[in-house]
């Protein structure tokens, strides 16, 4: 069995648990309130702001044995840099100023998610960052477009204003996911494979907690 197939089987329950929580079902079916969407974007800003620094942290620690991972991260950093500004623009559509967003304190779940990914990249293994990439790109590519359309419809708004981050990443991360799948197949060390699977499970768990925060 290939590592990617084993990874899918080991983490699919985590993805389905995330999809099944009431807050996510509300997002998917256009039942999310404006206040909850604004709270979601405020938290999302901090997740996106730290995405590139976490990848850079992991890339700087990749030994030559994982040079493909290092260069994959370089490529992703180039693709993703500045995307927190899309979230700022979306919040601007709800009259929330960039200074307010930057000064905001993320929820406990987001703080934990950010801290875990820095810690795992620095102290466990740099390939743990692939768990973060996998979960965020799965969420964006599979759910991003549907959530953008459903929430916009529920709020009586038209895409893309207020939804540019989710709407744009729905298609962008399909390509990213294809490249990540190819990369994951190059990881042959069983111990590192287990660390990546654990990182995916942890990120699904923490992202589920994030989505459950202030999403009633």
N, C-alpha and C. Protein backbone atom coordinates (compact mmCIF):
# COMPACT_ATOMS: atom_id res chain seq x y z
N UNK A 1 0.84 -1.20 0.00
CA UNK A 1 0.00 0.00 0.00
C UNK A 1 0.89 1.26 0.00
N UNK A 2 0.57 2.22 -0.88
CA UNK A 2 1.36 3.44 -0.93
C UNK A 2 1.14 4.25 0.34
N UNK A 3 2.13 5.10 0.64
CA UNK A 3 2.00 5.93 1.83
C UNK A 3 0.79 6.85 1.74
N UNK A 4 0.52 7.41 0.56
CA UNK A 4 -0.60 8.33 0.44
C UNK A 4 -1.94 7.64 0.71
N UNK A 5 -2.10 6.43 0.22
CA UNK A 5 -3.34 5.69 0.47
C UNK A 5 -3.47 5.36 1.95
N UNK A 6 -2.37 4.96 2.58
CA UNK A 6 -2.39 4.65 4.01
C UNK A 6 -2.72 5.91 4.81
N UNK A 7 -2.16 7.02 4.37
CA UNK A 7 -2.43 8.30 5.02
C UNK A 7 -3.92 8.66 4.93
N UNK A 8 -4.50 8.48 3.74
CA UNK A 8 -5.92 8.76 3.58
C UNK A 8 -6.76 7.91 4.52
N UNK A 9 -6.45 6.63 4.59
CA UNK A 9 -7.22 5.73 5.44
C UNK A 9 -7.07 6.07 6.92
N UNK A 10 -5.86 6.52 7.30
CA UNK A 10 -5.59 6.81 8.70
C UNK A 10 -6.21 8.12 9.17
N UNK A 11 -6.51 9.02 8.23
CA UNK A 11 -6.97 10.36 8.62
C UNK A 11 -8.37 10.70 8.13
N UNK A 12 -9.00 9.82 7.37
CA UNK A 12 -10.31 10.16 6.80
C UNK A 12 -11.36 10.35 7.89
N UNK A 13 -11.27 9.57 8.97
CA UNK A 13 -12.21 9.75 10.07
C UNK A 13 -12.10 11.14 10.67
N UNK A 14 -10.87 11.65 10.77
CA UNK A 14 -10.66 12.99 11.31
C UNK A 14 -11.32 14.05 10.42
N UNK A 15 -11.19 13.87 9.09
CA UNK A 15 -11.81 14.83 8.17
C UNK A 15 -13.32 14.78 8.28
N UNK A 16 -13.87 13.58 8.37
CA UNK A 16 -15.33 13.45 8.44
C UNK A 16 -15.88 14.00 9.76
N UNK A 17 -15.12 13.83 10.84
CA UNK A 17 -15.54 14.40 12.11
C UNK A 17 -15.59 15.92 12.02
N UNK A 18 -14.59 16.50 11.37
CA UNK A 18 -14.58 17.95 11.19
C UNK A 18 -15.79 18.39 10.36
N UNK A 19 -16.03 17.69 9.27
CA UNK A 19 -17.14 18.05 8.37
C UNK A 19 -18.48 17.94 9.07
N UNK A 20 -18.59 17.04 10.04
CA UNK A 20 -19.89 16.77 10.65
C UNK A 20 -20.27 17.69 11.79
N UNK A 21 -19.37 18.55 12.26
CA UNK A 21 -19.74 19.39 13.39
C UNK A 21 -20.78 20.42 12.96
N UNK A 22 -21.69 20.80 13.87
CA UNK A 22 -22.78 21.72 13.50
C UNK A 22 -22.30 23.02 12.87
N UNK A 23 -21.19 23.58 13.37
CA UNK A 23 -20.71 24.85 12.83
C UNK A 23 -20.34 24.74 11.36
N UNK A 24 -19.70 23.62 10.98
CA UNK A 24 -19.31 23.43 9.59
C UNK A 24 -20.54 23.19 8.73
N UNK A 25 -21.50 22.43 9.23
CA UNK A 25 -22.73 22.22 8.48
C UNK A 25 -23.47 23.54 8.25
N UNK A 26 -23.44 24.42 9.24
CA UNK A 26 -24.05 25.75 9.06
C UNK A 26 -23.33 26.53 7.96
N UNK A 27 -22.00 26.44 7.94
CA UNK A 27 -21.23 27.14 6.91
C UNK A 27 -21.56 26.58 5.53
N UNK A 28 -21.66 25.27 5.43
CA UNK A 28 -21.90 24.63 4.14
C UNK A 28 -23.32 24.85 3.62
N UNK A 29 -24.24 25.18 4.53
CA UNK A 29 -25.64 25.33 4.12
C UNK A 29 -26.15 26.76 4.27
N UNK A 30 -25.23 27.72 4.35
CA UNK A 30 -25.61 29.12 4.34
C UNK A 30 -26.34 29.60 5.57
N UNK A 31 -26.08 28.97 6.72
CA UNK A 31 -26.75 29.35 7.96
C UNK A 31 -25.85 30.13 8.92
N UNK A 32 -24.70 30.54 8.44
CA UNK A 32 -23.75 31.26 9.29
C UNK A 32 -24.13 32.74 9.36
N UNK A 33 -24.14 33.29 10.57
CA UNK A 33 -24.48 34.70 10.74
C UNK A 33 -23.32 35.59 10.33
N UNK A 34 -23.63 36.85 10.10
CA UNK A 34 -22.57 37.80 9.75
C UNK A 34 -21.53 37.90 10.87
N UNK A 35 -21.99 37.98 12.11
CA UNK A 35 -21.06 38.11 13.24
C UNK A 35 -20.13 36.89 13.32
N UNK A 36 -20.69 35.70 13.10
CA UNK A 36 -19.87 34.48 13.16
C UNK A 36 -18.87 34.44 12.01
N UNK A 37 -19.29 34.90 10.83
CA UNK A 37 -18.36 34.92 9.70
C UNK A 37 -17.23 35.92 9.95
N UNK A 38 -17.56 37.07 10.52
CA UNK A 38 -16.51 38.04 10.85
C UNK A 38 -15.53 37.45 11.86
N UNK A 39 -16.05 36.76 12.89
CA UNK A 39 -15.17 36.11 13.87
C UNK A 39 -14.28 35.07 13.21
N UNK A 40 -14.87 34.31 12.28
CA UNK A 40 -14.12 33.31 11.55
C UNK A 40 -12.97 33.95 10.77
N UNK A 41 -13.25 35.05 10.07
CA UNK A 41 -12.21 35.72 9.29
C UNK A 41 -11.12 36.30 10.19
N UNK A 42 -11.50 36.84 11.34
CA UNK A 42 -10.50 37.38 12.27
C UNK A 42 -9.53 36.28 12.71
N UNK A 43 -10.05 35.12 13.02
CA UNK A 43 -9.19 33.99 13.38
C UNK A 43 -8.39 33.52 12.17
N UNK A 44 -9.05 33.45 11.02
CA UNK A 44 -8.38 32.97 9.81
C UNK A 44 -7.19 33.85 9.46
N UNK A 45 -7.31 35.14 9.68
CA UNK A 45 -6.19 36.05 9.39
C UNK A 45 -4.92 35.58 10.07
N UNK A 46 -5.01 35.20 11.32
CA UNK A 46 -3.83 34.79 12.08
C UNK A 46 -3.28 33.44 11.58
N UNK A 47 -4.17 32.54 11.20
CA UNK A 47 -3.73 31.27 10.62
C UNK A 47 -2.93 31.53 9.34
N UNK A 48 -3.48 32.38 8.48
CA UNK A 48 -2.84 32.65 7.19
C UNK A 48 -1.53 33.43 7.38
N UNK A 49 -1.52 34.39 8.31
CA UNK A 49 -0.32 35.18 8.56
C UNK A 49 0.85 34.28 8.95
N UNK A 50 0.59 33.24 9.73
CA UNK A 50 1.66 32.37 10.21
C UNK A 50 2.00 31.24 9.24
N UNK A 51 1.22 31.07 8.18
CA UNK A 51 1.41 29.94 7.27
C UNK A 51 2.82 29.95 6.66
N UNK A 52 3.22 31.07 6.09
CA UNK A 52 4.55 31.14 5.46
C UNK A 52 5.69 31.06 6.48
N UNK A 53 5.62 31.76 7.63
CA UNK A 53 6.68 31.62 8.60
C UNK A 53 6.85 30.19 9.13
N UNK A 54 5.75 29.46 9.29
CA UNK A 54 5.86 28.07 9.73
C UNK A 54 6.54 27.23 8.66
N UNK A 55 6.17 27.44 7.39
CA UNK A 55 6.83 26.71 6.30
C UNK A 55 8.31 27.06 6.23
N UNK A 56 8.65 28.34 6.44
CA UNK A 56 10.06 28.75 6.42
C UNK A 56 10.83 28.10 7.56
N UNK A 57 10.20 28.01 8.72
CA UNK A 57 10.83 27.34 9.86
C UNK A 57 11.16 25.89 9.51
N UNK A 58 10.20 25.20 8.92
CA UNK A 58 10.42 23.80 8.55
C UNK A 58 11.48 23.67 7.46
N UNK A 59 11.41 24.54 6.45
CA UNK A 59 12.37 24.47 5.34
C UNK A 59 13.80 24.65 5.85
N UNK A 60 13.99 25.53 6.82
CA UNK A 60 15.33 25.80 7.33
C UNK A 60 15.91 24.62 8.09
N UNK A 61 15.05 23.69 8.48
CA UNK A 61 15.49 22.54 9.26
C UNK A 61 15.49 21.24 8.47
N UNK A 62 15.14 21.29 7.20
CA UNK A 62 15.11 20.07 6.38
C UNK A 62 16.53 19.63 6.02
N UNK A 63 16.95 18.43 6.40
CA UNK A 63 18.25 17.92 5.95
C UNK A 63 18.19 17.56 4.47
N UNK A 64 19.34 17.31 3.88
CA UNK A 64 19.38 17.00 2.45
C UNK A 64 18.59 15.74 2.12
N UNK A 65 18.40 14.87 3.09
CA UNK A 65 17.58 13.67 2.87
C UNK A 65 16.17 14.04 2.43
N UNK A 66 15.72 15.22 2.87
CA UNK A 66 14.37 15.69 2.53
C UNK A 66 14.44 16.98 1.72
N UNK A 67 15.37 17.02 0.78
CA UNK A 67 15.54 18.23 -0.02
C UNK A 67 14.31 18.51 -0.88
N UNK A 68 13.59 17.45 -1.29
CA UNK A 68 12.35 17.67 -2.06
C UNK A 68 11.32 18.41 -1.22
N UNK A 69 11.26 18.08 0.06
CA UNK A 69 10.33 18.79 0.96
C UNK A 69 10.75 20.25 1.09
N UNK A 70 12.06 20.49 1.24
CA UNK A 70 12.56 21.85 1.37
C UNK A 70 12.16 22.70 0.16
N UNK A 71 12.37 22.18 -1.03
CA UNK A 71 12.07 22.96 -2.23
C UNK A 71 10.56 23.08 -2.47
N UNK A 72 9.81 22.10 -2.04
CA UNK A 72 8.34 22.21 -2.10
C UNK A 72 7.88 23.37 -1.22
N UNK A 73 8.47 23.48 -0.05
CA UNK A 73 8.11 24.57 0.86
C UNK A 73 8.50 25.93 0.29
N UNK A 74 9.68 26.01 -0.32
CA UNK A 74 10.07 27.27 -0.97
C UNK A 74 9.03 27.68 -2.00
N UNK A 75 8.60 26.73 -2.81
CA UNK A 75 7.62 27.00 -3.86
C UNK A 75 6.29 27.46 -3.24
N UNK A 76 5.87 26.78 -2.17
CA UNK A 76 4.61 27.15 -1.53
C UNK A 76 4.67 28.53 -0.89
N UNK A 77 5.82 28.85 -0.30
CA UNK A 77 5.97 30.17 0.31
C UNK A 77 5.81 31.25 -0.74
N UNK A 78 6.41 31.04 -1.90
CA UNK A 78 6.28 32.01 -2.99
C UNK A 78 4.82 32.15 -3.42
N UNK A 79 4.10 31.03 -3.48
CA UNK A 79 2.70 31.06 -3.88
C UNK A 79 1.80 31.74 -2.85
N UNK A 80 2.12 31.53 -1.56
CA UNK A 80 1.20 31.93 -0.49
C UNK A 80 1.51 33.28 0.15
N UNK A 81 2.68 33.84 -0.13
CA UNK A 81 3.06 35.07 0.57
C UNK A 81 2.08 36.20 0.27
N UNK A 82 1.75 36.93 1.31
CA UNK A 82 0.84 38.06 1.16
C UNK A 82 -0.64 37.71 1.15
N UNK A 83 -0.98 36.44 1.27
CA UNK A 83 -2.39 36.07 1.17
C UNK A 83 -3.20 36.50 2.39
N UNK A 84 -2.51 36.85 3.48
CA UNK A 84 -3.25 37.41 4.62
C UNK A 84 -3.93 38.72 4.22
N UNK A 85 -3.41 39.38 3.18
CA UNK A 85 -4.03 40.63 2.72
C UNK A 85 -5.40 40.38 2.09
N UNK A 86 -5.59 39.19 1.53
CA UNK A 86 -6.92 38.84 1.02
C UNK A 86 -7.93 38.79 2.16
N UNK A 87 -7.49 38.25 3.30
CA UNK A 87 -8.39 38.19 4.46
C UNK A 87 -8.67 39.60 4.97
N UNK A 88 -7.65 40.47 4.97
CA UNK A 88 -7.86 41.87 5.36
C UNK A 88 -8.89 42.54 4.45
N UNK A 89 -8.78 42.28 3.14
CA UNK A 89 -9.74 42.85 2.19
C UNK A 89 -11.15 42.34 2.47
N UNK A 90 -11.26 41.04 2.77
CA UNK A 90 -12.58 40.48 3.06
C UNK A 90 -13.18 41.11 4.30
N UNK A 91 -12.37 41.31 5.34
CA UNK A 91 -12.86 41.95 6.55
C UNK A 91 -13.20 43.41 6.30
N UNK A 92 -12.47 44.05 5.37
CA UNK A 92 -12.78 45.42 5.01
C UNK A 92 -14.18 45.57 4.44
N UNK A 93 -14.66 44.51 3.77
CA UNK A 93 -16.02 44.53 3.21
C UNK A 93 -17.06 44.58 4.32
N UNK A 94 -16.65 44.23 5.54
CA UNK A 94 -17.55 44.29 6.70
C UNK A 94 -17.17 45.46 7.62
N UNK A 95 -16.44 46.43 7.05
CA UNK A 95 -16.06 47.66 7.76
C UNK A 95 -15.18 47.40 8.98
N UNK A 96 -14.33 46.37 8.91
CA UNK A 96 -13.37 46.10 9.97
C UNK A 96 -12.00 46.51 9.46
N UNK A 97 -11.38 47.46 10.13
CA UNK A 97 -10.14 48.07 9.66
C UNK A 97 -8.95 47.15 9.85
N UNK A 98 -7.95 47.22 8.94
CA UNK A 98 -6.75 46.38 9.07
C UNK A 98 -6.07 46.50 10.43
N UNK A 99 -6.02 47.70 11.00
CA UNK A 99 -5.37 47.87 12.31
C UNK A 99 -6.10 47.09 13.39
N UNK A 100 -7.42 47.02 13.28
CA UNK A 100 -8.21 46.25 14.25
C UNK A 100 -7.91 44.77 14.11
N UNK A 101 -7.80 44.32 12.87
CA UNK A 101 -7.52 42.90 12.62
C UNK A 101 -6.15 42.53 13.17
N UNK A 102 -5.14 43.33 12.85
CA UNK A 102 -3.77 43.02 13.27
C UNK A 102 -3.63 43.03 14.79
N UNK A 103 -4.42 43.86 15.45
CA UNK A 103 -4.34 43.96 16.91
C UNK A 103 -5.19 42.92 17.63
N UNK A 104 -5.99 42.17 16.87
CA UNK A 104 -6.91 41.22 17.49
C UNK A 104 -6.16 40.01 18.06
N UNK A 105 -6.75 39.42 19.07
CA UNK A 105 -6.19 38.22 19.69
C UNK A 105 -6.91 37.01 19.12
N UNK A 106 -6.18 36.07 18.51
CA UNK A 106 -6.86 34.89 17.98
C UNK A 106 -7.42 34.02 19.11
N UNK A 107 -8.39 33.19 18.77
CA UNK A 107 -8.99 32.29 19.75
C UNK A 107 -7.94 31.33 20.30
N UNK A 108 -8.27 30.71 21.42
CA UNK A 108 -7.35 29.74 22.04
C UNK A 108 -7.03 28.61 21.08
N UNK A 109 -8.02 28.15 20.32
CA UNK A 109 -7.79 27.05 19.38
C UNK A 109 -6.80 27.43 18.29
N UNK A 110 -6.89 28.66 17.80
CA UNK A 110 -5.96 29.11 16.77
C UNK A 110 -4.57 29.31 17.35
N UNK A 111 -4.49 29.85 18.56
CA UNK A 111 -3.18 29.97 19.20
C UNK A 111 -2.54 28.59 19.37
N UNK A 112 -3.33 27.61 19.75
CA UNK A 112 -2.81 26.25 19.93
C UNK A 112 -2.37 25.66 18.59
N UNK A 113 -3.14 25.89 17.55
CA UNK A 113 -2.81 25.37 16.22
C UNK A 113 -1.50 25.96 15.72
N UNK A 114 -1.35 27.27 15.84
CA UNK A 114 -0.13 27.94 15.41
C UNK A 114 1.06 27.43 16.22
N UNK A 115 0.90 27.37 17.54
CA UNK A 115 2.00 26.94 18.41
C UNK A 115 2.40 25.50 18.11
N UNK A 116 1.42 24.62 17.90
CA UNK A 116 1.74 23.21 17.60
C UNK A 116 2.57 23.10 16.34
N UNK A 117 2.20 23.85 15.31
CA UNK A 117 2.91 23.70 14.04
C UNK A 117 4.32 24.27 14.08
N UNK A 118 4.54 25.36 14.81
CA UNK A 118 5.91 25.82 15.02
C UNK A 118 6.70 24.77 15.81
N UNK A 119 6.09 24.28 16.88
CA UNK A 119 6.77 23.31 17.74
C UNK A 119 7.14 22.04 16.98
N UNK A 120 6.19 21.50 16.22
CA UNK A 120 6.46 20.24 15.53
C UNK A 120 7.52 20.41 14.45
N UNK A 121 7.52 21.56 13.77
CA UNK A 121 8.54 21.81 12.74
C UNK A 121 9.93 21.98 13.36
N UNK A 122 9.98 22.61 14.53
CA UNK A 122 11.26 22.90 15.17
C UNK A 122 11.78 21.75 16.02
N UNK A 123 10.88 21.08 16.74
CA UNK A 123 11.30 20.16 17.80
C UNK A 123 11.03 18.69 17.54
N UNK A 124 10.15 18.40 16.58
CA UNK A 124 9.83 16.99 16.30
C UNK A 124 10.49 16.56 14.99
N UNK A 125 10.02 17.13 13.87
CA UNK A 125 10.62 16.84 12.56
C UNK A 125 10.09 17.85 11.56
N UNK A 126 10.93 18.40 10.69
CA UNK A 126 10.43 19.39 9.73
C UNK A 126 9.33 18.88 8.82
N UNK A 127 9.31 17.57 8.55
CA UNK A 127 8.25 17.03 7.68
C UNK A 127 6.88 17.08 8.33
N UNK A 128 6.82 17.35 9.65
CA UNK A 128 5.52 17.51 10.30
C UNK A 128 4.73 18.65 9.67
N UNK A 129 5.42 19.61 9.06
CA UNK A 129 4.73 20.74 8.43
C UNK A 129 3.79 20.26 7.33
N UNK A 130 4.06 19.09 6.78
CA UNK A 130 3.20 18.56 5.72
C UNK A 130 1.80 18.25 6.25
N UNK A 131 1.70 18.01 7.55
CA UNK A 131 0.38 17.82 8.15
C UNK A 131 -0.45 19.07 8.07
N UNK A 132 0.17 20.22 8.36
CA UNK A 132 -0.52 21.50 8.25
C UNK A 132 -0.91 21.77 6.79
N UNK A 133 0.03 21.55 5.87
CA UNK A 133 -0.26 21.80 4.46
C UNK A 133 -1.42 20.93 3.99
N UNK A 134 -1.37 19.66 4.33
CA UNK A 134 -2.40 18.72 3.88
C UNK A 134 -3.79 19.17 4.36
N UNK A 135 -3.91 19.48 5.64
CA UNK A 135 -5.22 19.83 6.18
C UNK A 135 -5.72 21.15 5.60
N UNK A 136 -4.88 22.18 5.57
CA UNK A 136 -5.34 23.48 5.07
C UNK A 136 -5.68 23.42 3.58
N UNK A 137 -4.92 22.63 2.82
CA UNK A 137 -5.20 22.56 1.39
C UNK A 137 -6.41 21.68 1.09
N UNK A 138 -6.63 20.64 1.89
CA UNK A 138 -7.85 19.85 1.77
C UNK A 138 -9.07 20.72 2.08
N UNK A 139 -8.99 21.45 3.19
CA UNK A 139 -10.11 22.30 3.59
C UNK A 139 -10.42 23.34 2.51
N UNK A 140 -9.37 23.97 1.98
CA UNK A 140 -9.58 25.01 0.96
C UNK A 140 -10.14 24.44 -0.33
N UNK A 141 -9.51 23.37 -0.83
CA UNK A 141 -9.88 22.85 -2.14
C UNK A 141 -11.23 22.15 -2.13
N UNK A 142 -11.55 21.44 -1.05
CA UNK A 142 -12.79 20.67 -1.00
C UNK A 142 -13.96 21.52 -0.53
N UNK A 143 -13.71 22.39 0.45
CA UNK A 143 -14.83 23.10 1.08
C UNK A 143 -14.86 24.61 0.81
N UNK A 144 -13.71 25.21 0.43
CA UNK A 144 -13.63 26.66 0.34
C UNK A 144 -14.66 27.29 -0.57
N UNK A 145 -14.75 26.80 -1.80
CA UNK A 145 -15.70 27.38 -2.75
C UNK A 145 -17.14 27.21 -2.32
N UNK A 146 -17.47 26.03 -1.80
CA UNK A 146 -18.84 25.77 -1.36
C UNK A 146 -19.21 26.67 -0.18
N UNK A 147 -18.26 26.81 0.76
CA UNK A 147 -18.53 27.68 1.92
C UNK A 147 -18.70 29.13 1.48
N UNK A 148 -17.83 29.60 0.60
CA UNK A 148 -17.93 30.99 0.13
C UNK A 148 -19.30 31.25 -0.49
N UNK A 149 -19.73 30.38 -1.39
CA UNK A 149 -21.01 30.56 -2.05
C UNK A 149 -22.19 30.46 -1.10
N UNK A 150 -22.12 29.50 -0.17
CA UNK A 150 -23.24 29.28 0.75
C UNK A 150 -23.37 30.43 1.75
N UNK A 151 -22.25 30.84 2.34
CA UNK A 151 -22.30 31.92 3.33
C UNK A 151 -22.71 33.23 2.66
N UNK A 152 -22.14 33.51 1.48
CA UNK A 152 -22.52 34.73 0.76
C UNK A 152 -24.01 34.73 0.46
N UNK A 153 -24.53 33.60 0.00
CA UNK A 153 -25.95 33.51 -0.29
C UNK A 153 -26.81 33.72 0.95
N UNK A 154 -26.37 33.12 2.06
CA UNK A 154 -27.12 33.26 3.31
C UNK A 154 -27.13 34.68 3.83
N UNK A 155 -26.07 35.43 3.53
CA UNK A 155 -25.98 36.83 3.99
C UNK A 155 -26.51 37.82 2.94
N UNK A 156 -26.97 37.29 1.82
CA UNK A 156 -27.50 38.15 0.77
C UNK A 156 -26.43 38.97 0.08
N UNK A 157 -25.22 38.41 -0.05
CA UNK A 157 -24.10 39.11 -0.67
C UNK A 157 -23.70 38.38 -1.95
N UNK A 158 -22.94 39.08 -2.79
CA UNK A 158 -22.46 38.48 -4.03
C UNK A 158 -20.96 38.30 -3.97
N UNK A 159 -20.49 37.17 -4.50
CA UNK A 159 -19.06 36.93 -4.60
C UNK A 159 -18.45 37.88 -5.62
N UNK A 160 -17.16 38.26 -5.46
CA UNK A 160 -16.24 37.76 -4.43
C UNK A 160 -16.08 38.67 -3.23
N UNK A 161 -16.68 39.88 -3.23
CA UNK A 161 -16.43 40.84 -2.17
C UNK A 161 -16.80 40.25 -0.82
N UNK A 162 -15.81 40.25 0.09
CA UNK A 162 -16.01 39.68 1.41
C UNK A 162 -15.66 38.20 1.49
N UNK A 163 -15.38 37.58 0.31
CA UNK A 163 -15.14 36.13 0.27
C UNK A 163 -13.97 35.78 -0.65
N UNK A 164 -13.10 36.74 -0.90
CA UNK A 164 -12.05 36.54 -1.90
C UNK A 164 -11.05 35.46 -1.49
N UNK A 165 -10.75 35.37 -0.20
CA UNK A 165 -9.78 34.35 0.22
C UNK A 165 -10.32 32.95 -0.03
N UNK A 166 -11.51 32.67 0.49
CA UNK A 166 -12.08 31.33 0.32
C UNK A 166 -12.33 31.02 -1.15
N UNK A 167 -12.87 31.98 -1.88
CA UNK A 167 -13.24 31.75 -3.28
C UNK A 167 -12.01 31.49 -4.14
N UNK A 168 -10.94 32.25 -3.94
CA UNK A 168 -9.74 32.09 -4.77
C UNK A 168 -8.98 30.81 -4.45
N UNK A 169 -8.98 30.40 -3.18
CA UNK A 169 -8.21 29.23 -2.79
C UNK A 169 -8.91 27.92 -3.14
N UNK A 170 -10.18 27.99 -3.44
CA UNK A 170 -10.88 26.76 -3.80
C UNK A 170 -10.26 26.09 -5.02
N UNK A 171 -9.89 26.89 -6.03
CA UNK A 171 -9.27 26.33 -7.23
C UNK A 171 -7.76 26.26 -7.10
N UNK A 172 -7.16 27.26 -6.46
CA UNK A 172 -5.71 27.31 -6.32
C UNK A 172 -5.16 26.09 -5.58
N UNK A 173 -5.86 25.67 -4.52
CA UNK A 173 -5.33 24.60 -3.70
C UNK A 173 -5.58 23.21 -4.28
N UNK A 174 -6.36 23.11 -5.35
CA UNK A 174 -6.47 21.83 -6.06
C UNK A 174 -5.11 21.48 -6.66
N UNK A 175 -4.46 22.47 -7.28
CA UNK A 175 -3.13 22.25 -7.84
C UNK A 175 -2.12 21.98 -6.73
N UNK A 176 -2.20 22.74 -5.64
CA UNK A 176 -1.29 22.52 -4.51
C UNK A 176 -1.44 21.11 -3.96
N UNK A 177 -2.68 20.63 -3.88
CA UNK A 177 -2.92 19.30 -3.33
C UNK A 177 -2.32 18.23 -4.23
N UNK A 178 -2.39 18.41 -5.53
CA UNK A 178 -1.80 17.44 -6.47
C UNK A 178 -0.29 17.38 -6.28
N UNK A 179 0.35 18.54 -6.12
CA UNK A 179 1.80 18.55 -5.91
C UNK A 179 2.17 17.94 -4.56
N UNK A 180 1.34 18.20 -3.54
CA UNK A 180 1.62 17.64 -2.22
C UNK A 180 1.50 16.12 -2.24
N UNK A 181 0.51 15.62 -2.96
CA UNK A 181 0.36 14.16 -3.05
C UNK A 181 1.62 13.54 -3.65
N UNK A 182 2.15 14.13 -4.71
CA UNK A 182 3.38 13.62 -5.33
C UNK A 182 4.53 13.67 -4.34
N UNK A 183 4.63 14.76 -3.59
CA UNK A 183 5.70 14.89 -2.61
C UNK A 183 5.60 13.83 -1.51
N UNK A 184 4.41 13.61 -1.01
CA UNK A 184 4.24 12.64 0.07
C UNK A 184 4.69 11.25 -0.34
N UNK A 185 4.56 10.94 -1.61
CA UNK A 185 4.98 9.61 -2.09
C UNK A 185 6.49 9.43 -2.03
N UNK A 186 7.24 10.53 -1.88
CA UNK A 186 8.70 10.42 -1.81
C UNK A 186 9.19 10.13 -0.40
N UNK A 187 8.32 10.21 0.58
CA UNK A 187 8.72 9.97 1.97
C UNK A 187 8.63 8.47 2.26
N UNK A 188 9.77 7.84 2.41
CA UNK A 188 9.83 6.38 2.55
C UNK A 188 10.15 5.91 3.96
N UNK A 189 10.69 6.78 4.79
CA UNK A 189 11.05 6.41 6.15
C UNK A 189 9.77 6.17 6.96
N UNK A 190 9.55 4.93 7.45
CA UNK A 190 8.30 4.63 8.18
C UNK A 190 8.09 5.51 9.41
N UNK A 191 9.18 5.85 10.11
CA UNK A 191 9.04 6.69 11.30
C UNK A 191 8.57 8.09 10.92
N UNK A 192 9.09 8.64 9.84
CA UNK A 192 8.67 9.97 9.39
C UNK A 192 7.24 9.92 8.86
N UNK A 193 6.89 8.85 8.19
CA UNK A 193 5.51 8.68 7.73
C UNK A 193 4.53 8.76 8.90
N UNK A 194 4.87 8.10 10.00
CA UNK A 194 3.99 8.12 11.17
C UNK A 194 3.90 9.51 11.77
N UNK A 195 5.01 10.25 11.75
CA UNK A 195 4.99 11.63 12.26
C UNK A 195 4.08 12.52 11.40
N UNK A 196 4.12 12.33 10.09
CA UNK A 196 3.27 13.11 9.18
C UNK A 196 1.79 12.78 9.43
N UNK A 197 1.48 11.50 9.58
CA UNK A 197 0.09 11.11 9.85
C UNK A 197 -0.38 11.72 11.16
N UNK A 198 0.46 11.66 12.19
CA UNK A 198 0.08 12.26 13.47
C UNK A 198 -0.13 13.76 13.33
N UNK A 199 0.72 14.43 12.54
CA UNK A 199 0.58 15.88 12.34
C UNK A 199 -0.72 16.21 11.62
N UNK A 200 -1.12 15.37 10.67
CA UNK A 200 -2.40 15.57 9.99
C UNK A 200 -3.55 15.42 10.98
N UNK A 201 -3.51 14.38 11.79
CA UNK A 201 -4.57 14.17 12.77
C UNK A 201 -4.64 15.31 13.77
N UNK A 202 -3.48 15.81 14.20
CA UNK A 202 -3.45 16.94 15.12
C UNK A 202 -4.03 18.19 14.48
N UNK A 203 -3.67 18.45 13.22
CA UNK A 203 -4.18 19.64 12.55
C UNK A 203 -5.67 19.56 12.29
N UNK A 204 -6.17 18.37 11.95
CA UNK A 204 -7.62 18.23 11.81
C UNK A 204 -8.31 18.50 13.15
N UNK A 205 -7.75 17.96 14.22
CA UNK A 205 -8.34 18.17 15.55
C UNK A 205 -8.35 19.66 15.91
N UNK A 206 -7.21 20.32 15.74
CA UNK A 206 -7.10 21.73 16.11
C UNK A 206 -7.94 22.62 15.19
N UNK A 207 -7.99 22.28 13.89
CA UNK A 207 -8.81 23.06 12.97
C UNK A 207 -10.29 22.89 13.29
N UNK A 208 -10.67 21.69 13.73
CA UNK A 208 -12.05 21.47 14.15
C UNK A 208 -12.39 22.33 15.36
N UNK A 209 -11.46 22.43 16.31
CA UNK A 209 -11.68 23.29 17.47
C UNK A 209 -11.81 24.75 17.04
N UNK A 210 -10.97 25.16 16.11
CA UNK A 210 -11.04 26.53 15.57
C UNK A 210 -12.40 26.80 14.93
N UNK A 211 -12.87 25.88 14.10
CA UNK A 211 -14.15 26.09 13.42
C UNK A 211 -15.31 26.07 14.40
N UNK A 212 -15.14 25.42 15.55
CA UNK A 212 -16.21 25.33 16.54
C UNK A 212 -16.29 26.57 17.41
N UNK A 213 -15.29 27.45 17.31
CA UNK A 213 -15.21 28.63 18.16
C UNK A 213 -16.07 29.76 17.59
N UNK A 214 -17.03 30.22 18.37
CA UNK A 214 -17.87 31.37 17.98
C UNK A 214 -18.53 31.17 16.61
N UNK A 215 -18.99 29.94 16.35
CA UNK A 215 -19.61 29.69 15.05
C UNK A 215 -21.08 29.31 15.18
N UNK A 216 -21.70 29.65 16.27
CA UNK A 216 -23.10 29.28 16.49
C UNK A 216 -24.01 30.03 15.53
